[in-house]
Amino acid sequence: MKPLYDEILEQDPGMEHVYTKVNGQRIHCVVAGKGQPVLLIPGWPQTWYTWRHVMRALAAAGFQR
């Protein structure tokens, strides 16, 4: 049985998951699309997955999400 998170990642193959360190903290970023970047910041307790439909629409409109 696959972990649920792996299944979620497979649903959006066009999204790249990147981890970066900022002030010693590891930050998870999801990147896709081309063009002007758009920064979406979910509030606690949400995650990037909350924005998935908006992210697809932004990428389709020519933005980088």
PDB file of N, CA and C in Angstrom:
ATOM      1  N   MET A   1       0.841  -1.181   0.000  1.00  0.00           N
ATOM      2  CA  MET A   1       0.000   0.000   0.000  1.00  0.00           C
ATOM      3  C   MET A   1       0.889   1.248   0.000  1.00  0.00           C
ATOM      4  N   LYS A   2       0.596   2.187  -0.907  1.00  0.00           N
ATOM      5  CA  LYS A   2       1.371   3.423  -1.000  1.00  0.00           C
ATOM      6  C   LYS A   2       0.910   4.417   0.056  1.00  0.00           C
ATOM      7  N   PRO A   3       1.837   5.192   0.584  1.00  0.00           N
ATOM      8  CA  PRO A   3       1.425   6.273   1.486  1.00  0.00           C
ATOM      9  C   PRO A   3       0.561   7.290   0.738  1.00  0.00           C
ATOM     10  N   LEU A   4      -0.392   7.882   1.410  1.00  0.00           N
ATOM     11  CA  LEU A   4      -1.306   8.853   0.804  1.00  0.00           C
ATOM     12  C   LEU A   4      -0.546  10.012   0.168  1.00  0.00           C
ATOM     13  N   TYR A   5       0.526  10.467   0.801  1.00  0.00           N
ATOM     14  CA  TYR A   5       1.288  11.603   0.263  1.00  0.00           C
ATOM     15  C   TYR A   5       1.854  11.278  -1.115  1.00  0.00           C
ATOM     16  N   ASP A   6       2.347  10.045  -1.312  1.00  0.00           N
ATOM     17  CA  ASP A   6       2.865   9.636  -2.620  1.00  0.00           C
ATOM     18  C   ASP A   6       1.771   9.693  -3.675  1.00  0.00           C
ATOM     19  N   GLU A   7       0.569   9.278  -3.324  1.00  0.00           N
ATOM     20  CA  GLU A   7      -0.555   9.329  -4.264  1.00  0.00           C
ATOM     21  C   GLU A   7      -0.893  10.772  -4.628  1.00  0.00           C
ATOM     22  N   ILE A   8      -0.841  11.672  -3.672  1.00  0.00           N
ATOM     23  CA  ILE A   8      -1.124  13.087  -3.927  1.00  0.00           C
ATOM     24  C   ILE A   8      -0.088  13.657  -4.889  1.00  0.00           C
ATOM     25  N   LEU A   9       1.184  13.325  -4.689  1.00  0.00           N
ATOM     26  CA  LEU A   9       2.241  13.829  -5.566  1.00  0.00           C
ATOM     27  C   LEU A   9       2.064  13.326  -6.992  1.00  0.00           C
ATOM     28  N   GLU A  10       1.606  12.100  -7.154  1.00  0.00           N
ATOM     29  CA  GLU A  10       1.410  11.528  -8.484  1.00  0.00           C
ATOM     30  C   GLU A  10       0.230  12.168  -9.211  1.00  0.00           C
ATOM     31  N   GLN A  11      -0.717  12.758  -8.507  1.00  0.00           N
ATOM     32  CA  GLN A  11      -1.881  13.388  -9.129  1.00  0.00           C
ATOM     33  C   GLN A  11      -1.495  14.646  -9.887  1.00  0.00           C
ATOM     34  N   ASP A  12      -0.442  15.300  -9.504  1.00  0.00           N
ATOM     35  CA  ASP A  12      -0.004  16.545 -10.129  1.00  0.00           C
ATOM     36  C   ASP A  12       1.439  16.406 -10.598  1.00  0.00           C
ATOM     37  N   PRO A  13       1.668  15.627 -11.672  1.00  0.00           N
ATOM     38  CA  PRO A  13       3.046  15.386 -12.109  1.00  0.00           C
ATOM     39  C   PRO A  13       3.754  16.629 -12.634  1.00  0.00           C
ATOM     40  N   GLY A  14       3.021  17.688 -12.989  1.00  0.00           N
ATOM     41  CA  GLY A  14       3.640  18.907 -13.493  1.00  0.00           C
ATOM     42  C   GLY A  14       4.175  19.812 -12.400  1.00  0.00           C
ATOM     43  N   MET A  15       4.002  19.425 -11.158  1.00  0.00           N
ATOM     44  CA  MET A  15       4.459  20.242 -10.036  1.00  0.00           C
ATOM     45  C   MET A  15       5.774  19.692  -9.503  1.00  0.00           C
ATOM     46  N   GLU A  16       6.740  20.587  -9.320  1.00  0.00           N
ATOM     47  CA  GLU A  16       8.043  20.203  -8.789  1.00  0.00           C
ATOM     48  C   GLU A  16       8.107  20.590  -7.312  1.00  0.00           C
ATOM     49  N   HIS A  17       8.463  19.639  -6.477  1.00  0.00           N
ATOM     50  CA  HIS A  17       8.563  19.877  -5.035  1.00  0.00           C
ATOM     51  C   HIS A  17      10.023  20.164  -4.696  1.00  0.00           C
ATOM     52  N   VAL A  18      10.267  21.338  -4.131  1.00  0.00           N
ATOM     53  CA  VAL A  18      11.615  21.813  -3.833  1.00  0.00           C
ATOM     54  C   VAL A  18      11.690  22.142  -2.345  1.00  0.00           C
ATOM     55  N   TYR A  19      12.818  21.815  -1.739  1.00  0.00           N
ATOM     56  CA  TYR A  19      13.048  22.163  -0.336  1.00  0.00           C
ATOM     57  C   TYR A  19      14.239  23.111  -0.269  1.00  0.00           C
ATOM     58  N   THR A  20      14.091  24.187   0.468  1.00  0.00           N
ATOM     59  CA  THR A  20      15.164  25.166   0.623  1.00  0.00           C
ATOM     60  C   THR A  20      15.273  25.553   2.094  1.00  0.00           C
ATOM     61  N   LYS A  21      16.428  26.046   2.484  1.00  0.00           N
ATOM     62  CA  LYS A  21      16.615  26.493   3.872  1.00  0.00           C
ATOM     63  C   LYS A  21      16.604  28.007   3.931  1.00  0.00           C
ATOM     64  N   VAL A  22      15.841  28.544   4.858  1.00  0.00           N
ATOM     65  CA  VAL A  22      15.766  29.981   5.102  1.00  0.00           C
ATOM     66  C   VAL A  22      15.954  30.189   6.603  1.00  0.00           C
ATOM     67  N   ASN A  23      17.000  30.908   6.971  1.00  0.00           N
ATOM     68  CA  ASN A  23      17.305  31.147   8.390  1.00  0.00           C
ATOM     69  C   ASN A  23      17.321  29.854   9.200  1.00  0.00           C
ATOM     70  N   GLY A  24      17.883  28.800   8.611  1.00  0.00           N
ATOM     71  CA  GLY A  24      17.997  27.525   9.302  1.00  0.00           C
ATOM     72  C   GLY A  24      16.740  26.672   9.290  1.00  0.00           C
ATOM     73  N   GLN A  25      15.657  27.165   8.702  1.00  0.00           N
ATOM     74  CA  GLN A  25      14.400  26.414   8.638  1.00  0.00           C
ATOM     75  C   GLN A  25      14.220  25.817   7.248  1.00  0.00           C
ATOM     76  N   ARG A  26      13.813  24.573   7.179  1.00  0.00           N
ATOM     77  CA  ARG A  26      13.560  23.915   5.895  1.00  0.00           C
ATOM     78  C   ARG A  26      12.160  24.292   5.412  1.00  0.00           C
ATOM     79  N   ILE A  27      12.077  24.824   4.190  1.00  0.00           N
ATOM     80  CA  ILE A  27      10.817  25.287   3.606  1.00  0.00           C
ATOM     81  C   ILE A  27      10.489  24.429   2.392  1.00  0.00           C
ATOM     82  N   HIS A  28       9.265  23.956   2.319  1.00  0.00           N
ATOM     83  CA  HIS A  28       8.784  23.170   1.179  1.00  0.00           C
ATOM     84  C   HIS A  28       8.110  24.107   0.196  1.00  0.00           C
ATOM     85  N   CYS A  29       8.549  24.070  -1.067  1.00  0.00           N
ATOM     86  CA  CYS A  29       7.968  24.894  -2.130  1.00  0.00           C
ATOM     87  C   CYS A  29       7.490  23.988  -3.251  1.00  0.00           C
ATOM     88  N   VAL A  30       6.405  24.375  -3.890  1.00  0.00           N
ATOM     89  CA  VAL A  30       5.896  23.654  -5.055  1.00  0.00           C
ATOM     90  C   VAL A  30       5.952  24.623  -6.224  1.00  0.00           C
ATOM     91  N   VAL A  31       6.641  24.212  -7.299  1.00  0.00           N
ATOM     92  CA  VAL A  31       6.878  25.093  -8.440  1.00  0.00           C
ATOM     93  C   VAL A  31       6.360  24.434  -9.708  1.00  0.00           C
ATOM     94  N   ALA A  32       5.718  25.236 -10.571  1.00  0.00           N
ATOM     95  CA  ALA A  32       5.269  24.749 -11.879  1.00  0.00           C
ATOM     96  C   ALA A  32       4.986  25.940 -12.770  1.00  0.00           C
ATOM     97  N   GLY A  33       4.877  25.699 -14.059  1.00  0.00           N
ATOM     98  CA  GLY A  33       4.539  26.761 -14.998  1.00  0.00           C
ATOM     99  C   GLY A  33       5.749  27.580 -15.398  1.00  0.00           C
ATOM    100  N   LYS A  34       5.519  28.515 -16.283  1.00  0.00           N
ATOM    101  CA  LYS A  34       6.555  29.420 -16.797  1.00  0.00           C
ATOM    102  C   LYS A  34       6.039  30.848 -16.653  1.00  0.00           C
ATOM    103  N   GLY A  35       6.933  31.818 -16.761  1.00  0.00           N
ATOM    104  CA  GLY A  35       6.497  33.212 -16.723  1.00  0.00           C
ATOM    105  C   GLY A  35       6.688  33.852 -15.366  1.00  0.00           C
ATOM    106  N   GLN A  36       5.938  34.942 -15.133  1.00  0.00           N
ATOM    107  CA  GLN A  36       6.028  35.692 -13.879  1.00  0.00           C
ATOM    108  C   GLN A  36       5.690  34.787 -12.699  1.00  0.00           C
ATOM    109  N   PRO A  37       6.535  34.765 -11.670  1.00  0.00           N
ATOM    110  CA  PRO A  37       6.215  33.951 -10.500  1.00  0.00           C
ATOM    111  C   PRO A  37       5.088  34.569  -9.668  1.00  0.00           C
ATOM    112  N   VAL A  38       4.320  33.701  -9.054  1.00  0.00           N
ATOM    113  CA  VAL A  38       3.254  34.093  -8.128  1.00  0.00           C
ATOM    114  C   VAL A  38       3.503  33.325  -6.833  1.00  0.00           C
ATOM    115  N   LEU A  39       3.513  34.016  -5.717  1.00  0.00           N
ATOM    116  CA  LEU A  39       3.753  33.379  -4.424  1.00  0.00           C
ATOM    117  C   LEU A  39       2.424  33.190  -3.707  1.00  0.00           C
ATOM    118  N   LEU A  40       2.097  31.944  -3.419  1.00  0.00           N
ATOM    119  CA  LEU A  40       0.884  31.610  -2.667  1.00  0.00           C
ATOM    120  C   LEU A  40       1.332  31.098  -1.303  1.00  0.00           C
ATOM    121  N   ILE A  41       0.810  31.685  -0.247  1.00  0.00           N
ATOM    122  CA  ILE A  41       1.213  31.305   1.104  1.00  0.00           C
ATOM    123  C   ILE A  41      -0.018  30.824   1.866  1.00  0.00           C
ATOM    124  N   PRO A  42      -0.096  29.514   2.128  1.00  0.00           N
ATOM    125  CA  PRO A  42      -1.239  29.012   2.888  1.00  0.00           C
ATOM    126  C   PRO A  42      -1.110  29.385   4.361  1.00  0.00           C
ATOM    127  N   GLY A  43      -2.225  29.609   4.990  1.00  0.00           N
ATOM    128  CA  GLY A  43      -2.236  29.894   6.423  1.00  0.00           C
ATOM    129  C   GLY A  43      -2.317  28.602   7.218  1.00  0.00           C
ATOM    130  N   TRP A  44      -1.891  28.660   8.439  1.00  0.00           N
ATOM    131  CA  TRP A  44      -1.935  27.468   9.288  1.00  0.00           C
ATOM    132  C   TRP A  44      -3.383  27.085   9.541  1.00  0.00           C
ATOM    133  N   PRO A  45      -3.792  25.876   9.459  1.00  0.00           N
ATOM    134  CA  PRO A  45      -3.051  24.635   9.280  1.00  0.00           C
ATOM    135  C   PRO A  45      -3.063  24.125   7.835  1.00  0.00           C
ATOM    136  N   GLN A  46      -3.228  24.985   6.868  1.00  0.00           N
ATOM    137  CA  GLN A  46      -3.290  24.554   5.471  1.00  0.00           C
ATOM    138  C   GLN A  46      -1.900  24.212   4.930  1.00  0.00           C
ATOM    139  N   THR A  47      -1.886  23.572   3.741  1.00  0.00           N
ATOM    140  CA  THR A  47      -0.647  23.239   3.044  1.00  0.00           C
ATOM    141  C   THR A  47      -0.776  23.668   1.588  1.00  0.00           C
ATOM    142  N   TRP A  48       0.258  23.399   0.799  1.00  0.00           N
ATOM    143  CA  TRP A  48       0.243  23.720  -0.633  1.00  0.00           C
ATOM    144  C   TRP A  48      -0.943  23.069  -1.328  1.00  0.00           C
ATOM    145  N   TYR A  49      -1.360  21.912  -0.838  1.00  0.00           N
ATOM    146  CA  TYR A  49      -2.424  21.141  -1.487  1.00  0.00           C
ATOM    147  C   TYR A  49      -3.741  21.923  -1.522  1.00  0.00           C
ATOM    148  N   THR A  50      -3.950  22.797  -0.576  1.00  0.00           N
ATOM    149  CA  THR A  50      -5.147  23.639  -0.544  1.00  0.00           C
ATOM    150  C   THR A  50      -5.222  24.525  -1.785  1.00  0.00           C
ATOM    151  N   TRP A  51      -4.074  24.925  -2.313  1.00  0.00           N
ATOM    152  CA  TRP A  51      -3.995  25.843  -3.450  1.00  0.00           C
ATOM    153  C   TRP A  51      -3.926  25.127  -4.802  1.00  0.00           C
ATOM    154  N   ARG A  52      -4.006  23.803  -4.859  1.00  0.00           N
ATOM    155  CA  ARG A  52      -3.729  23.062  -6.087  1.00  0.00           C
ATOM    156  C   ARG A  52      -4.578  23.501  -7.271  1.00  0.00           C
ATOM    157  N   HIS A  53      -5.859  23.791  -7.058  1.00  0.00           N
ATOM    158  CA  HIS A  53      -6.717  24.203  -8.177  1.00  0.00           C
ATOM    159  C   HIS A  53      -6.336  25.602  -8.668  1.00  0.00           C
ATOM    160  N   VAL A  54      -6.029  26.485  -7.754  1.00  0.00           N
ATOM    161  CA  VAL A  54      -5.588  27.839  -8.112  1.00  0.00           C
ATOM    162  C   VAL A  54      -4.247  27.758  -8.845  1.00  0.00           C
ATOM    163  N   MET A  55      -3.354  26.895  -8.381  1.00  0.00           N
ATOM    164  CA  MET A  55      -2.044  26.741  -9.007  1.00  0.00           C
ATOM    165  C   MET A  55      -2.167  26.277 -10.451  1.00  0.00           C
ATOM    166  N   ARG A  56      -3.044  25.323 -10.702  1.00  0.00           N
ATOM    167  CA  ARG A  56      -3.254  24.844 -12.081  1.00  0.00           C
ATOM    168  C   ARG A  56      -3.767  25.972 -12.966  1.00  0.00           C
ATOM    169  N   ALA A  57      -4.717  26.752 -12.465  1.00  0.00           N
ATOM    170  CA  ALA A  57      -5.287  27.857 -13.244  1.00  0.00           C
ATOM    171  C   ALA A  57      -4.233  28.927 -13.531  1.00  0.00           C
ATOM    172  N   LEU A  58      -3.389  29.241 -12.558  1.00  0.00           N
ATOM    173  CA  LEU A  58      -2.329  30.230 -12.763  1.00  0.00           C
ATOM    174  C   LEU A  58      -1.319  29.749 -13.801  1.00  0.00           C
ATOM    175  N   ALA A  59      -0.937  28.482 -13.728  1.00  0.00           N
ATOM    176  CA  ALA A  59       0.012  27.937 -14.706  1.00  0.00           C
ATOM    177  C   ALA A  59      -0.598  27.952 -16.105  1.00  0.00           C
ATOM    178  N   ALA A  60      -1.882  27.621 -16.219  1.00  0.00           N
ATOM    179  CA  ALA A  60      -2.565  27.631 -17.516  1.00  0.00           C
ATOM    180  C   ALA A  60      -2.660  29.050 -18.080  1.00  0.00           C
ATOM    181  N   ALA A  61      -2.689  30.048 -17.202  1.00  0.00           N
ATOM    182  CA  ALA A  61      -2.770  31.451 -17.626  1.00  0.00           C
ATOM    183  C   ALA A  61      -1.390  32.037 -17.935  1.00  0.00           C
ATOM    184  N   GLY A  62      -0.334  31.226 -17.804  1.00  0.00           N
ATOM    185  CA  GLY A  62       1.002  31.680 -18.169  1.00  0.00           C
ATOM    186  C   GLY A  62       1.878  32.151 -17.034  1.00  0.00           C
ATOM    187  N   PHE A  63       1.449  31.915 -15.815  1.00  0.00           N
ATOM    188  CA  PHE A  63       2.256  32.308 -14.660  1.00  0.00           C
ATOM    189  C   PHE A  63       3.060  31.122 -14.156  1.00  0.00           C
ATOM    190  N   GLN A  64       4.090  31.429 -13.366  1.00  0.00           N
ATOM    191  CA  GLN A  64       4.823  30.390 -12.659  1.00  0.00           C
ATOM    192  C   GLN A  64       4.260  30.362 -11.262  1.00  0.00           C
ATOM    193  N   ARG A  65       3.905  29.224 -10.790  1.00  0.00           N
ATOM    194  CA  ARG A  65       3.297  29.146  -9.467  1.00  0.00           C
ATOM    195  C   ARG A  65       4.242  28.505  -8.505  1.00  0.00           C
TER     196      ARG A  65
END
